[in-house]
């Protein structure tokens, strides 16, 4: 796991693009609705070098998008792995947490049977985890957290079980909600 503070020197430009151009829509995958915005290649091209410099390796991006959580959208518990998407993931934070005393961010969990990670080779069990276990906090133990902070990037193995934490969000829309830019890469 890698955490990079002040990750992008182009952060203000990226923030402006989100404010001026990002259009968030609901997209349903399986039984879950995600509130996401697609980004242009120029957006992605500004972030790829950050990841490549940190890992000292070229990457192949498979998927990337902005994700918006509000007090009305994407509010459930969903502890999951992204191993079906790619080998690794990044999260670039575009929000500071609301003013309160709780820690917000991306947390990592150990499953009571599978431990800290799950490889992509068992689709049936992965689907069962998403349907039956991902919304049940008693089946998980949090062991690490990357705290939410504007322009902080988190890079991690897509096999790790994770979720936003705490399991709630804030705000009404992209002007005051929780926005992250996620990417999946090999």
N, C-alpha and C. Protein backbone atom coordinates (compact mmCIF):
# COMPACT_ATOMS: atom_id res chain seq x y z
N UNK A 1 0.85 -1.17 0.00
CA UNK A 1 0.00 0.00 0.00
C UNK A 1 0.90 1.24 0.00
N UNK A 2 0.52 2.21 -0.83
CA UNK A 2 1.27 3.46 -0.92
C UNK A 2 0.31 4.63 -0.71
N UNK A 3 0.73 5.62 0.07
CA UNK A 3 -0.03 6.85 0.27
C UNK A 3 0.85 8.01 -0.16
N UNK A 4 0.31 8.86 -1.04
CA UNK A 4 1.05 10.00 -1.57
C UNK A 4 0.28 11.27 -1.24
N UNK A 5 0.84 12.12 -0.40
CA UNK A 5 0.22 13.42 -0.12
C UNK A 5 0.66 14.41 -1.19
N UNK A 6 -0.19 15.42 -1.43
CA UNK A 6 0.08 16.40 -2.49
C UNK A 6 0.45 15.69 -3.78
N UNK A 7 -0.38 14.72 -4.13
CA UNK A 7 -0.08 13.80 -5.23
C UNK A 7 0.04 14.49 -6.58
N UNK A 8 -0.88 15.39 -6.90
CA UNK A 8 -0.90 15.98 -8.23
C UNK A 8 -0.57 17.46 -8.20
N UNK A 9 0.39 17.85 -9.02
CA UNK A 9 0.69 19.27 -9.18
C UNK A 9 -0.39 19.95 -10.02
N UNK A 10 -1.22 19.16 -10.69
CA UNK A 10 -2.32 19.66 -11.52
C UNK A 10 -3.67 19.58 -10.79
N UNK A 11 -3.63 19.45 -9.47
CA UNK A 11 -4.83 19.21 -8.69
C UNK A 11 -5.88 20.31 -8.89
N UNK A 12 -5.47 21.57 -8.90
CA UNK A 12 -6.44 22.67 -9.07
C UNK A 12 -7.14 22.56 -10.43
N UNK A 13 -6.38 22.20 -11.47
CA UNK A 13 -6.98 22.00 -12.79
C UNK A 13 -7.98 20.87 -12.75
N UNK A 14 -7.64 19.75 -12.10
CA UNK A 14 -8.54 18.60 -12.00
C UNK A 14 -9.80 18.97 -11.22
N UNK A 15 -9.63 19.71 -10.13
CA UNK A 15 -10.78 20.17 -9.34
C UNK A 15 -11.70 21.05 -10.18
N UNK A 16 -11.10 21.96 -10.95
CA UNK A 16 -11.90 22.84 -11.81
C UNK A 16 -12.66 22.03 -12.86
N UNK A 17 -12.01 21.00 -13.42
CA UNK A 17 -12.69 20.17 -14.42
C UNK A 17 -13.91 19.49 -13.79
N UNK A 18 -13.74 18.99 -12.58
CA UNK A 18 -14.86 18.34 -11.88
C UNK A 18 -15.99 19.35 -11.68
N UNK A 19 -15.66 20.54 -11.17
CA UNK A 19 -16.69 21.55 -10.90
C UNK A 19 -17.41 21.99 -12.17
N UNK A 20 -16.66 22.15 -13.27
CA UNK A 20 -17.23 22.69 -14.50
C UNK A 20 -17.82 21.63 -15.44
N UNK A 21 -17.25 20.43 -15.45
CA UNK A 21 -17.58 19.48 -16.52
C UNK A 21 -18.07 18.11 -16.08
N UNK A 22 -17.79 17.70 -14.86
CA UNK A 22 -18.17 16.34 -14.45
C UNK A 22 -19.69 16.21 -14.35
N UNK A 23 -20.21 15.19 -15.00
CA UNK A 23 -21.64 14.88 -14.93
C UNK A 23 -21.77 13.50 -14.32
N UNK A 24 -22.33 13.44 -13.13
CA UNK A 24 -22.49 12.18 -12.41
C UNK A 24 -23.84 11.55 -12.75
N UNK A 25 -23.79 10.28 -13.08
CA UNK A 25 -24.99 9.51 -13.40
C UNK A 25 -24.98 8.21 -12.60
N UNK A 26 -26.17 7.67 -12.38
CA UNK A 26 -26.27 6.37 -11.74
C UNK A 26 -25.99 5.29 -12.77
N UNK A 27 -25.11 4.37 -12.43
CA UNK A 27 -24.84 3.20 -13.26
C UNK A 27 -24.98 1.99 -12.36
N UNK A 28 -25.72 1.01 -12.83
CA UNK A 28 -26.01 -0.19 -12.04
C UNK A 28 -25.17 -1.35 -12.55
N UNK A 29 -24.47 -1.97 -11.61
CA UNK A 29 -23.69 -3.17 -11.88
C UNK A 29 -24.11 -4.21 -10.86
N UNK A 30 -24.66 -5.32 -11.35
CA UNK A 30 -25.20 -6.31 -10.44
C UNK A 30 -26.39 -5.72 -9.71
N UNK A 31 -26.36 -5.79 -8.39
CA UNK A 31 -27.44 -5.24 -7.57
C UNK A 31 -27.08 -3.90 -6.95
N UNK A 32 -26.02 -3.25 -7.46
CA UNK A 32 -25.52 -2.05 -6.80
C UNK A 32 -25.48 -0.88 -7.77
N UNK A 33 -25.94 0.26 -7.31
CA UNK A 33 -25.93 1.48 -8.11
C UNK A 33 -24.75 2.37 -7.69
N UNK A 34 -23.98 2.79 -8.66
CA UNK A 34 -22.84 3.67 -8.44
C UNK A 34 -23.14 5.01 -9.07
N UNK A 35 -22.77 6.09 -8.39
CA UNK A 35 -22.96 7.45 -8.91
C UNK A 35 -21.60 7.91 -9.45
N UNK A 36 -21.42 7.79 -10.77
CA UNK A 36 -20.08 8.03 -11.34
C UNK A 36 -20.11 9.02 -12.49
N UNK A 37 -18.93 9.58 -12.76
CA UNK A 37 -18.72 10.46 -13.91
C UNK A 37 -17.52 9.93 -14.68
N UNK A 38 -17.66 9.91 -15.97
CA UNK A 38 -16.55 9.51 -16.84
C UNK A 38 -15.61 10.69 -17.01
N UNK A 39 -14.33 10.39 -17.17
CA UNK A 39 -13.34 11.45 -17.32
C UNK A 39 -12.68 11.34 -18.70
N UNK A 40 -12.22 12.46 -19.27
CA UNK A 40 -11.53 12.39 -20.55
C UNK A 40 -10.11 11.85 -20.38
N UNK A 41 -9.52 11.41 -21.48
CA UNK A 41 -8.15 10.90 -21.44
C UNK A 41 -7.18 11.93 -20.87
N UNK A 42 -7.44 13.21 -21.14
CA UNK A 42 -6.53 14.26 -20.63
C UNK A 42 -6.50 14.27 -19.10
N UNK A 43 -7.62 13.95 -18.47
CA UNK A 43 -7.69 13.85 -17.01
C UNK A 43 -6.83 12.69 -16.54
N UNK A 44 -7.06 11.53 -17.14
CA UNK A 44 -6.30 10.32 -16.80
C UNK A 44 -4.80 10.52 -17.03
N UNK A 45 -4.47 11.17 -18.13
CA UNK A 45 -3.06 11.36 -18.49
C UNK A 45 -2.29 12.19 -17.46
N UNK A 46 -2.99 13.01 -16.69
CA UNK A 46 -2.33 13.79 -15.65
C UNK A 46 -2.09 12.97 -14.38
N UNK A 47 -2.79 11.87 -14.23
CA UNK A 47 -2.68 11.06 -13.02
C UNK A 47 -1.76 9.85 -13.20
N UNK A 48 -1.74 9.28 -14.39
CA UNK A 48 -0.91 8.10 -14.64
C UNK A 48 0.56 8.31 -14.22
N UNK A 49 1.20 9.44 -14.53
CA UNK A 49 2.60 9.61 -14.13
C UNK A 49 2.83 9.57 -12.62
N UNK A 50 1.83 9.98 -11.84
CA UNK A 50 1.96 9.92 -10.38
C UNK A 50 2.12 8.47 -9.94
N UNK A 51 1.26 7.62 -10.48
CA UNK A 51 1.29 6.20 -10.14
C UNK A 51 2.59 5.56 -10.65
N UNK A 52 2.93 5.83 -11.90
CA UNK A 52 4.14 5.24 -12.48
C UNK A 52 5.40 5.68 -11.75
N UNK A 53 5.46 6.94 -11.35
CA UNK A 53 6.63 7.41 -10.60
C UNK A 53 6.73 6.72 -9.24
N UNK A 54 5.60 6.56 -8.58
CA UNK A 54 5.62 5.92 -7.26
C UNK A 54 6.02 4.45 -7.36
N UNK A 55 5.49 3.76 -8.36
CA UNK A 55 5.76 2.33 -8.51
C UNK A 55 7.01 2.03 -9.33
N UNK A 56 7.57 3.09 -9.94
CA UNK A 56 8.75 2.96 -10.80
C UNK A 56 8.52 1.90 -11.88
N UNK A 57 7.33 1.99 -12.50
CA UNK A 57 6.94 1.02 -13.52
C UNK A 57 5.83 1.62 -14.38
N UNK A 58 5.76 1.23 -15.63
CA UNK A 58 4.66 1.62 -16.51
C UNK A 58 3.41 0.84 -16.10
N UNK A 59 2.26 1.47 -16.27
CA UNK A 59 1.00 0.81 -15.92
C UNK A 59 0.07 0.79 -17.13
N UNK A 60 -0.88 -0.13 -17.09
CA UNK A 60 -1.91 -0.25 -18.11
C UNK A 60 -3.25 -0.06 -17.42
N UNK A 61 -3.88 1.11 -17.63
CA UNK A 61 -5.15 1.43 -16.96
C UNK A 61 -6.28 0.68 -17.66
N UNK A 62 -7.06 -0.04 -16.87
CA UNK A 62 -8.19 -0.81 -17.40
C UNK A 62 -9.49 -0.03 -17.29
N UNK A 63 -9.71 0.63 -16.15
CA UNK A 63 -10.93 1.41 -15.91
C UNK A 63 -10.57 2.58 -15.01
N UNK A 64 -11.25 3.70 -15.20
CA UNK A 64 -11.11 4.82 -14.28
C UNK A 64 -12.35 5.69 -14.38
N UNK A 65 -12.72 6.31 -13.26
CA UNK A 65 -13.89 7.16 -13.22
C UNK A 65 -13.91 7.92 -11.90
N UNK A 66 -14.71 8.98 -11.86
CA UNK A 66 -14.97 9.71 -10.62
C UNK A 66 -16.18 9.06 -9.96
N UNK A 67 -16.14 9.00 -8.65
CA UNK A 67 -17.26 8.44 -7.91
C UNK A 67 -17.71 9.45 -6.86
N UNK A 68 -19.02 9.67 -6.79
CA UNK A 68 -19.61 10.62 -5.86
C UNK A 68 -20.48 9.87 -4.86
N UNK A 69 -20.25 10.15 -3.59
CA UNK A 69 -21.09 9.65 -2.51
C UNK A 69 -21.73 10.86 -1.86
N UNK A 70 -23.03 10.79 -1.59
CA UNK A 70 -23.72 11.85 -0.85
C UNK A 70 -24.54 11.19 0.26
N UNK A 71 -25.22 12.00 1.04
CA UNK A 71 -26.07 11.41 2.07
C UNK A 71 -27.27 10.69 1.47
N UNK A 72 -27.48 10.84 0.15
CA UNK A 72 -28.58 10.17 -0.53
C UNK A 72 -28.13 9.11 -1.53
N UNK A 73 -26.91 9.20 -2.02
CA UNK A 73 -26.41 8.32 -3.07
C UNK A 73 -25.25 7.48 -2.55
N UNK A 74 -25.32 6.18 -2.83
CA UNK A 74 -24.22 5.28 -2.48
C UNK A 74 -23.95 5.30 -0.98
N UNK A 75 -24.97 4.98 -0.20
CA UNK A 75 -24.89 5.15 1.25
C UNK A 75 -24.68 3.86 2.02
N UNK A 76 -24.76 2.71 1.37
CA UNK A 76 -24.70 1.45 2.10
C UNK A 76 -23.29 1.00 2.42
N UNK A 77 -23.24 -0.02 3.27
CA UNK A 77 -21.97 -0.70 3.56
C UNK A 77 -21.67 -1.60 2.37
N UNK A 78 -20.47 -1.58 1.88
CA UNK A 78 -20.11 -2.45 0.76
C UNK A 78 -18.62 -2.76 0.83
N UNK A 79 -18.26 -3.66 1.71
CA UNK A 79 -16.87 -4.11 1.81
C UNK A 79 -16.66 -5.08 0.66
N UNK A 80 -15.61 -4.86 -0.12
CA UNK A 80 -15.43 -5.63 -1.35
C UNK A 80 -13.96 -5.67 -1.76
N UNK A 81 -13.71 -6.46 -2.77
CA UNK A 81 -12.41 -6.50 -3.43
C UNK A 81 -12.63 -6.11 -4.89
N UNK A 82 -11.61 -5.53 -5.51
CA UNK A 82 -11.69 -5.15 -6.92
C UNK A 82 -10.83 -6.06 -7.79
N UNK A 83 -10.54 -7.24 -7.29
CA UNK A 83 -9.65 -8.17 -8.00
C UNK A 83 -10.18 -8.56 -9.37
N UNK A 84 -11.48 -8.47 -9.57
CA UNK A 84 -12.06 -8.79 -10.88
C UNK A 84 -11.80 -7.67 -11.89
N UNK A 85 -11.42 -6.50 -11.42
CA UNK A 85 -11.20 -5.34 -12.30
C UNK A 85 -9.78 -5.30 -12.86
N UNK A 86 -8.80 -5.53 -11.99
CA UNK A 86 -7.40 -5.41 -12.38
C UNK A 86 -6.53 -5.87 -11.21
N UNK A 87 -5.21 -5.73 -11.36
CA UNK A 87 -4.28 -6.14 -10.31
C UNK A 87 -4.18 -5.11 -9.18
N UNK A 88 -4.28 -3.83 -9.53
CA UNK A 88 -4.08 -2.74 -8.56
C UNK A 88 -5.15 -1.68 -8.73
N UNK A 89 -5.28 -0.84 -7.70
CA UNK A 89 -6.24 0.26 -7.74
C UNK A 89 -5.60 1.51 -7.17
N UNK A 90 -6.10 2.67 -7.61
CA UNK A 90 -5.74 3.93 -6.98
C UNK A 90 -7.02 4.65 -6.58
N UNK A 91 -6.90 5.48 -5.55
CA UNK A 91 -7.96 6.39 -5.13
C UNK A 91 -7.29 7.74 -4.94
N UNK A 92 -7.79 8.76 -5.64
CA UNK A 92 -7.34 10.13 -5.45
C UNK A 92 -8.51 10.90 -4.87
N UNK A 93 -8.30 11.47 -3.68
CA UNK A 93 -9.38 12.14 -2.94
C UNK A 93 -9.56 13.58 -3.41
N UNK A 94 -10.82 13.95 -3.64
CA UNK A 94 -11.17 15.31 -4.02
C UNK A 94 -12.06 15.97 -2.98
N UNK A 95 -12.09 15.45 -1.78
CA UNK A 95 -12.91 16.02 -0.72
C UNK A 95 -12.15 15.95 0.59
N UNK A 96 -12.38 16.93 1.41
CA UNK A 96 -11.98 16.83 2.80
C UNK A 96 -13.18 16.30 3.57
N UNK A 97 -12.95 15.63 4.70
CA UNK A 97 -14.10 15.14 5.47
C UNK A 97 -14.91 16.29 6.04
N UNK A 98 -16.17 16.03 6.38
CA UNK A 98 -16.97 17.08 7.02
C UNK A 98 -16.37 17.41 8.38
N UNK A 99 -16.70 18.58 8.87
CA UNK A 99 -16.18 18.98 10.17
C UNK A 99 -16.84 18.18 11.28
N UNK A 100 -16.12 17.21 11.78
CA UNK A 100 -16.53 16.48 12.98
C UNK A 100 -15.31 15.70 13.47
N UNK A 101 -15.50 14.91 14.46
CA UNK A 101 -14.36 14.26 15.09
C UNK A 101 -14.09 12.85 14.57
N UNK A 102 -14.88 12.37 13.59
CA UNK A 102 -14.66 11.02 13.06
C UNK A 102 -13.57 11.02 12.01
N UNK A 103 -12.88 9.89 11.89
CA UNK A 103 -11.94 9.69 10.80
C UNK A 103 -12.69 9.17 9.60
N UNK A 104 -12.45 9.76 8.44
CA UNK A 104 -13.04 9.32 7.18
C UNK A 104 -11.92 8.88 6.27
N UNK A 105 -12.21 7.94 5.38
CA UNK A 105 -11.22 7.52 4.42
C UNK A 105 -11.57 6.19 3.79
N UNK A 106 -10.53 5.47 3.39
CA UNK A 106 -10.66 4.13 2.84
C UNK A 106 -10.08 3.17 3.86
N UNK A 107 -10.91 2.23 4.29
CA UNK A 107 -10.47 1.26 5.30
C UNK A 107 -10.29 -0.11 4.66
N UNK A 108 -9.41 -0.87 5.27
CA UNK A 108 -9.11 -2.22 4.81
C UNK A 108 -9.56 -3.20 5.88
N UNK A 109 -10.11 -4.34 5.41
CA UNK A 109 -10.77 -5.28 6.31
C UNK A 109 -10.26 -6.70 6.09
N UNK A 110 -10.34 -7.47 7.16
CA UNK A 110 -10.07 -8.90 7.12
C UNK A 110 -11.40 -9.62 7.25
N UNK A 111 -11.69 -10.53 6.33
CA UNK A 111 -12.91 -11.32 6.36
C UNK A 111 -12.74 -12.50 7.30
N UNK A 112 -13.78 -12.89 7.98
CA UNK A 112 -13.68 -13.94 9.00
C UNK A 112 -13.28 -15.30 8.41
N UNK A 113 -13.46 -15.51 7.11
CA UNK A 113 -13.02 -16.76 6.48
C UNK A 113 -11.81 -16.54 5.58
N UNK A 114 -11.87 -15.53 4.71
CA UNK A 114 -10.86 -15.34 3.66
C UNK A 114 -9.66 -14.50 4.05
N UNK A 115 -9.70 -13.82 5.17
CA UNK A 115 -8.58 -12.98 5.57
C UNK A 115 -8.62 -11.63 4.87
N UNK A 116 -7.44 -11.09 4.53
CA UNK A 116 -7.31 -9.71 4.04
C UNK A 116 -7.52 -9.55 2.53
N UNK A 117 -7.47 -10.64 1.77
CA UNK A 117 -7.57 -10.48 0.32
C UNK A 117 -8.30 -11.66 -0.30
N UNK A 118 -8.68 -11.45 -1.56
CA UNK A 118 -9.40 -12.48 -2.28
C UNK A 118 -8.99 -12.44 -3.75
N UNK A 119 -8.41 -13.50 -4.26
CA UNK A 119 -7.99 -13.50 -5.67
C UNK A 119 -9.19 -13.59 -6.61
N UNK A 120 -9.02 -13.23 -7.87
CA UNK A 120 -10.14 -13.16 -8.81
C UNK A 120 -10.57 -14.49 -9.41
N UNK A 121 -10.03 -15.61 -8.96
CA UNK A 121 -10.28 -16.87 -9.65
C UNK A 121 -11.57 -17.58 -9.25
N UNK A 122 -12.29 -17.10 -8.23
CA UNK A 122 -13.51 -17.77 -7.80
C UNK A 122 -14.68 -16.78 -7.89
N UNK A 123 -15.25 -16.69 -9.08
CA UNK A 123 -16.32 -15.72 -9.33
C UNK A 123 -17.54 -15.99 -8.47
N UNK A 124 -17.90 -17.26 -8.30
CA UNK A 124 -19.08 -17.59 -7.50
C UNK A 124 -18.93 -17.13 -6.05
N UNK A 125 -17.77 -17.36 -5.45
CA UNK A 125 -17.57 -16.93 -4.07
C UNK A 125 -17.48 -15.41 -3.98
N UNK A 126 -16.87 -14.77 -4.96
CA UNK A 126 -16.83 -13.31 -4.98
C UNK A 126 -18.25 -12.75 -5.01
N UNK A 127 -19.10 -13.30 -5.86
CA UNK A 127 -20.49 -12.84 -5.94
C UNK A 127 -21.23 -13.08 -4.62
N UNK A 128 -20.99 -14.23 -3.99
CA UNK A 128 -21.61 -14.50 -2.70
C UNK A 128 -21.18 -13.49 -1.66
N UNK A 129 -19.88 -13.17 -1.65
CA UNK A 129 -19.38 -12.17 -0.70
C UNK A 129 -20.09 -10.83 -0.90
N UNK A 130 -20.23 -10.40 -2.15
CA UNK A 130 -20.89 -9.12 -2.44
C UNK A 130 -22.34 -9.12 -2.02
N UNK A 131 -23.03 -10.24 -2.23
CA UNK A 131 -24.46 -10.32 -1.92
C UNK A 131 -24.71 -10.54 -0.43
N UNK A 132 -23.96 -11.45 0.18
CA UNK A 132 -24.27 -11.86 1.55
C UNK A 132 -23.41 -11.20 2.63
N UNK A 133 -22.12 -11.02 2.39
CA UNK A 133 -21.22 -10.60 3.46
C UNK A 133 -20.82 -9.12 3.43
N UNK A 134 -20.84 -8.50 2.25
CA UNK A 134 -20.28 -7.15 2.14
C UNK A 134 -21.02 -6.11 2.97
N UNK A 135 -22.27 -6.39 3.34
CA UNK A 135 -23.09 -5.44 4.11
C UNK A 135 -23.21 -5.84 5.58
N UNK A 136 -22.42 -6.82 5.99
CA UNK A 136 -22.51 -7.35 7.36
C UNK A 136 -21.22 -7.04 8.14
N UNK A 137 -21.17 -5.93 8.86
CA UNK A 137 -19.94 -5.54 9.55
C UNK A 137 -19.39 -6.58 10.52
N UNK A 138 -20.23 -7.44 11.07
CA UNK A 138 -19.74 -8.43 12.03
C UNK A 138 -18.90 -9.53 11.38
N UNK A 139 -18.92 -9.60 10.06
CA UNK A 139 -18.11 -10.60 9.35
C UNK A 139 -16.74 -10.07 8.96
N UNK A 140 -16.41 -8.85 9.43
CA UNK A 140 -15.18 -8.19 9.03
C UNK A 140 -14.49 -7.56 10.24
N UNK A 141 -13.18 -7.40 10.13
CA UNK A 141 -12.42 -6.66 11.14
C UNK A 141 -11.53 -5.66 10.40
N UNK A 142 -11.70 -4.38 10.73
CA UNK A 142 -10.88 -3.34 10.11
C UNK A 142 -9.46 -3.42 10.67
N UNK A 143 -8.47 -3.39 9.79
CA UNK A 143 -7.08 -3.45 10.24
C UNK A 143 -6.23 -2.27 9.80
N UNK A 144 -6.71 -1.45 8.87
CA UNK A 144 -5.92 -0.30 8.42
C UNK A 144 -6.85 0.72 7.79
N UNK A 145 -6.37 1.97 7.72
CA UNK A 145 -7.17 3.03 7.10
C UNK A 145 -6.26 4.09 6.49
N UNK A 146 -6.63 4.55 5.32
CA UNK A 146 -6.01 5.74 4.72
C UNK A 146 -7.00 6.87 4.91
N UNK A 147 -6.60 7.89 5.67
CA UNK A 147 -7.51 8.99 5.96
C UNK A 147 -7.73 9.88 4.74
N UNK A 148 -8.97 10.29 4.60
CA UNK A 148 -9.39 11.16 3.52
C UNK A 148 -8.74 12.53 3.66
N UNK A 149 -8.17 13.02 2.56
CA UNK A 149 -7.58 14.35 2.54
C UNK A 149 -7.44 14.76 1.08
N UNK A 150 -7.83 15.98 0.75
CA UNK A 150 -7.72 16.45 -0.63
C UNK A 150 -6.30 16.25 -1.15
N UNK A 151 -6.22 15.79 -2.40
CA UNK A 151 -4.97 15.58 -3.13
C UNK A 151 -4.09 14.51 -2.49
N UNK A 152 -4.68 13.61 -1.75
CA UNK A 152 -3.98 12.43 -1.25
C UNK A 152 -4.35 11.27 -2.18
N UNK A 153 -3.34 10.48 -2.55
CA UNK A 153 -3.58 9.30 -3.38
C UNK A 153 -3.21 8.05 -2.61
N UNK A 154 -4.04 7.04 -2.77
CA UNK A 154 -3.83 5.72 -2.18
C UNK A 154 -3.70 4.74 -3.33
N UNK A 155 -2.66 3.91 -3.30
CA UNK A 155 -2.46 2.84 -4.29
C UNK A 155 -2.38 1.53 -3.52
N UNK A 156 -3.14 0.52 -3.98
CA UNK A 156 -3.16 -0.75 -3.25
C UNK A 156 -3.49 -1.91 -4.17
N UNK A 157 -3.23 -3.11 -3.69
CA UNK A 157 -3.59 -4.33 -4.42
C UNK A 157 -5.10 -4.43 -4.51
N UNK A 158 -5.62 -4.68 -5.71
CA UNK A 158 -7.06 -4.78 -5.90
C UNK A 158 -7.64 -6.01 -5.21
N UNK A 159 -6.81 -6.92 -4.74
CA UNK A 159 -7.29 -8.11 -4.02
C UNK A 159 -7.67 -7.80 -2.58
N UNK A 160 -7.24 -6.65 -2.04
CA UNK A 160 -7.53 -6.32 -0.64
C UNK A 160 -9.00 -5.95 -0.46
N UNK A 161 -9.62 -6.46 0.61
CA UNK A 161 -10.97 -6.07 0.97
C UNK A 161 -10.94 -4.64 1.52
N UNK A 162 -11.83 -3.79 1.03
CA UNK A 162 -11.83 -2.39 1.45
C UNK A 162 -13.23 -1.78 1.29
N UNK A 163 -13.37 -0.58 1.83
CA UNK A 163 -14.61 0.18 1.73
C UNK A 163 -14.34 1.60 2.20
N UNK A 164 -15.23 2.51 1.81
CA UNK A 164 -15.12 3.85 2.42
C UNK A 164 -15.50 3.68 3.89
N UNK A 165 -14.97 4.56 4.71
CA UNK A 165 -15.24 4.45 6.14
C UNK A 165 -15.29 5.85 6.73
N UNK A 166 -16.20 6.11 7.65
CA UNK A 166 -17.27 5.22 8.09
C UNK A 166 -18.26 4.96 6.96
N UNK A 167 -19.20 4.07 7.20
CA UNK A 167 -20.13 3.65 6.16
C UNK A 167 -21.26 4.66 5.98
N UNK A 168 -20.88 5.90 5.76
CA UNK A 168 -21.85 6.95 5.52
C UNK A 168 -21.16 8.05 4.73
N UNK A 169 -21.95 8.92 4.16
CA UNK A 169 -21.38 10.03 3.40
C UNK A 169 -22.11 11.30 3.79
N UNK A 170 -21.84 12.36 3.10
CA UNK A 170 -22.39 13.65 3.45
C UNK A 170 -22.66 14.44 2.18
N UNK A 171 -23.32 15.55 2.33
CA UNK A 171 -23.55 16.45 1.20
C UNK A 171 -24.71 16.03 0.32
N UNK A 172 -24.98 16.89 -0.66
CA UNK A 172 -26.12 16.69 -1.55
C UNK A 172 -25.74 16.42 -3.00
N UNK A 173 -24.57 16.90 -3.42
CA UNK A 173 -24.18 16.77 -4.82
C UNK A 173 -22.66 16.96 -4.92
N UNK A 174 -22.16 17.18 -6.13
CA UNK A 174 -20.71 17.26 -6.31
C UNK A 174 -20.08 18.50 -5.66
N UNK A 175 -20.89 19.47 -5.27
CA UNK A 175 -20.32 20.66 -4.64
C UNK A 175 -19.97 20.43 -3.18
N UNK A 176 -20.60 19.42 -2.54
CA UNK A 176 -20.35 19.22 -1.11
C UNK A 176 -20.31 17.75 -0.67
N UNK A 177 -20.35 16.83 -1.63
CA UNK A 177 -20.30 15.41 -1.30
C UNK A 177 -18.88 14.87 -1.30
N UNK A 178 -18.76 13.57 -1.15
CA UNK A 178 -17.46 12.89 -1.15
C UNK A 178 -17.15 12.44 -2.58
N UNK A 179 -16.08 12.98 -3.15
CA UNK A 179 -15.67 12.64 -4.51
C UNK A 179 -14.30 11.99 -4.47
N UNK A 180 -14.19 10.85 -5.16
CA UNK A 180 -12.90 10.18 -5.34
C UNK A 180 -12.73 9.85 -6.81
N UNK A 181 -11.48 9.85 -7.24
CA UNK A 181 -11.14 9.41 -8.59
C UNK A 181 -10.48 8.05 -8.43
N UNK A 182 -11.12 7.01 -8.98
CA UNK A 182 -10.59 5.66 -8.84
C UNK A 182 -10.10 5.16 -10.18
N UNK A 183 -9.04 4.37 -10.12
CA UNK A 183 -8.49 3.75 -11.31
C UNK A 183 -8.08 2.32 -11.00
N UNK A 184 -8.18 1.48 -12.00
CA UNK A 184 -7.80 0.07 -11.88
C UNK A 184 -6.79 -0.23 -12.97
N UNK A 185 -5.68 -0.85 -12.60
CA UNK A 185 -4.59 -1.01 -13.57
C UNK A 185 -3.79 -2.27 -13.31
N UNK A 186 -3.10 -2.71 -14.36
CA UNK A 186 -2.14 -3.80 -14.27
C UNK A 186 -0.75 -3.22 -14.46
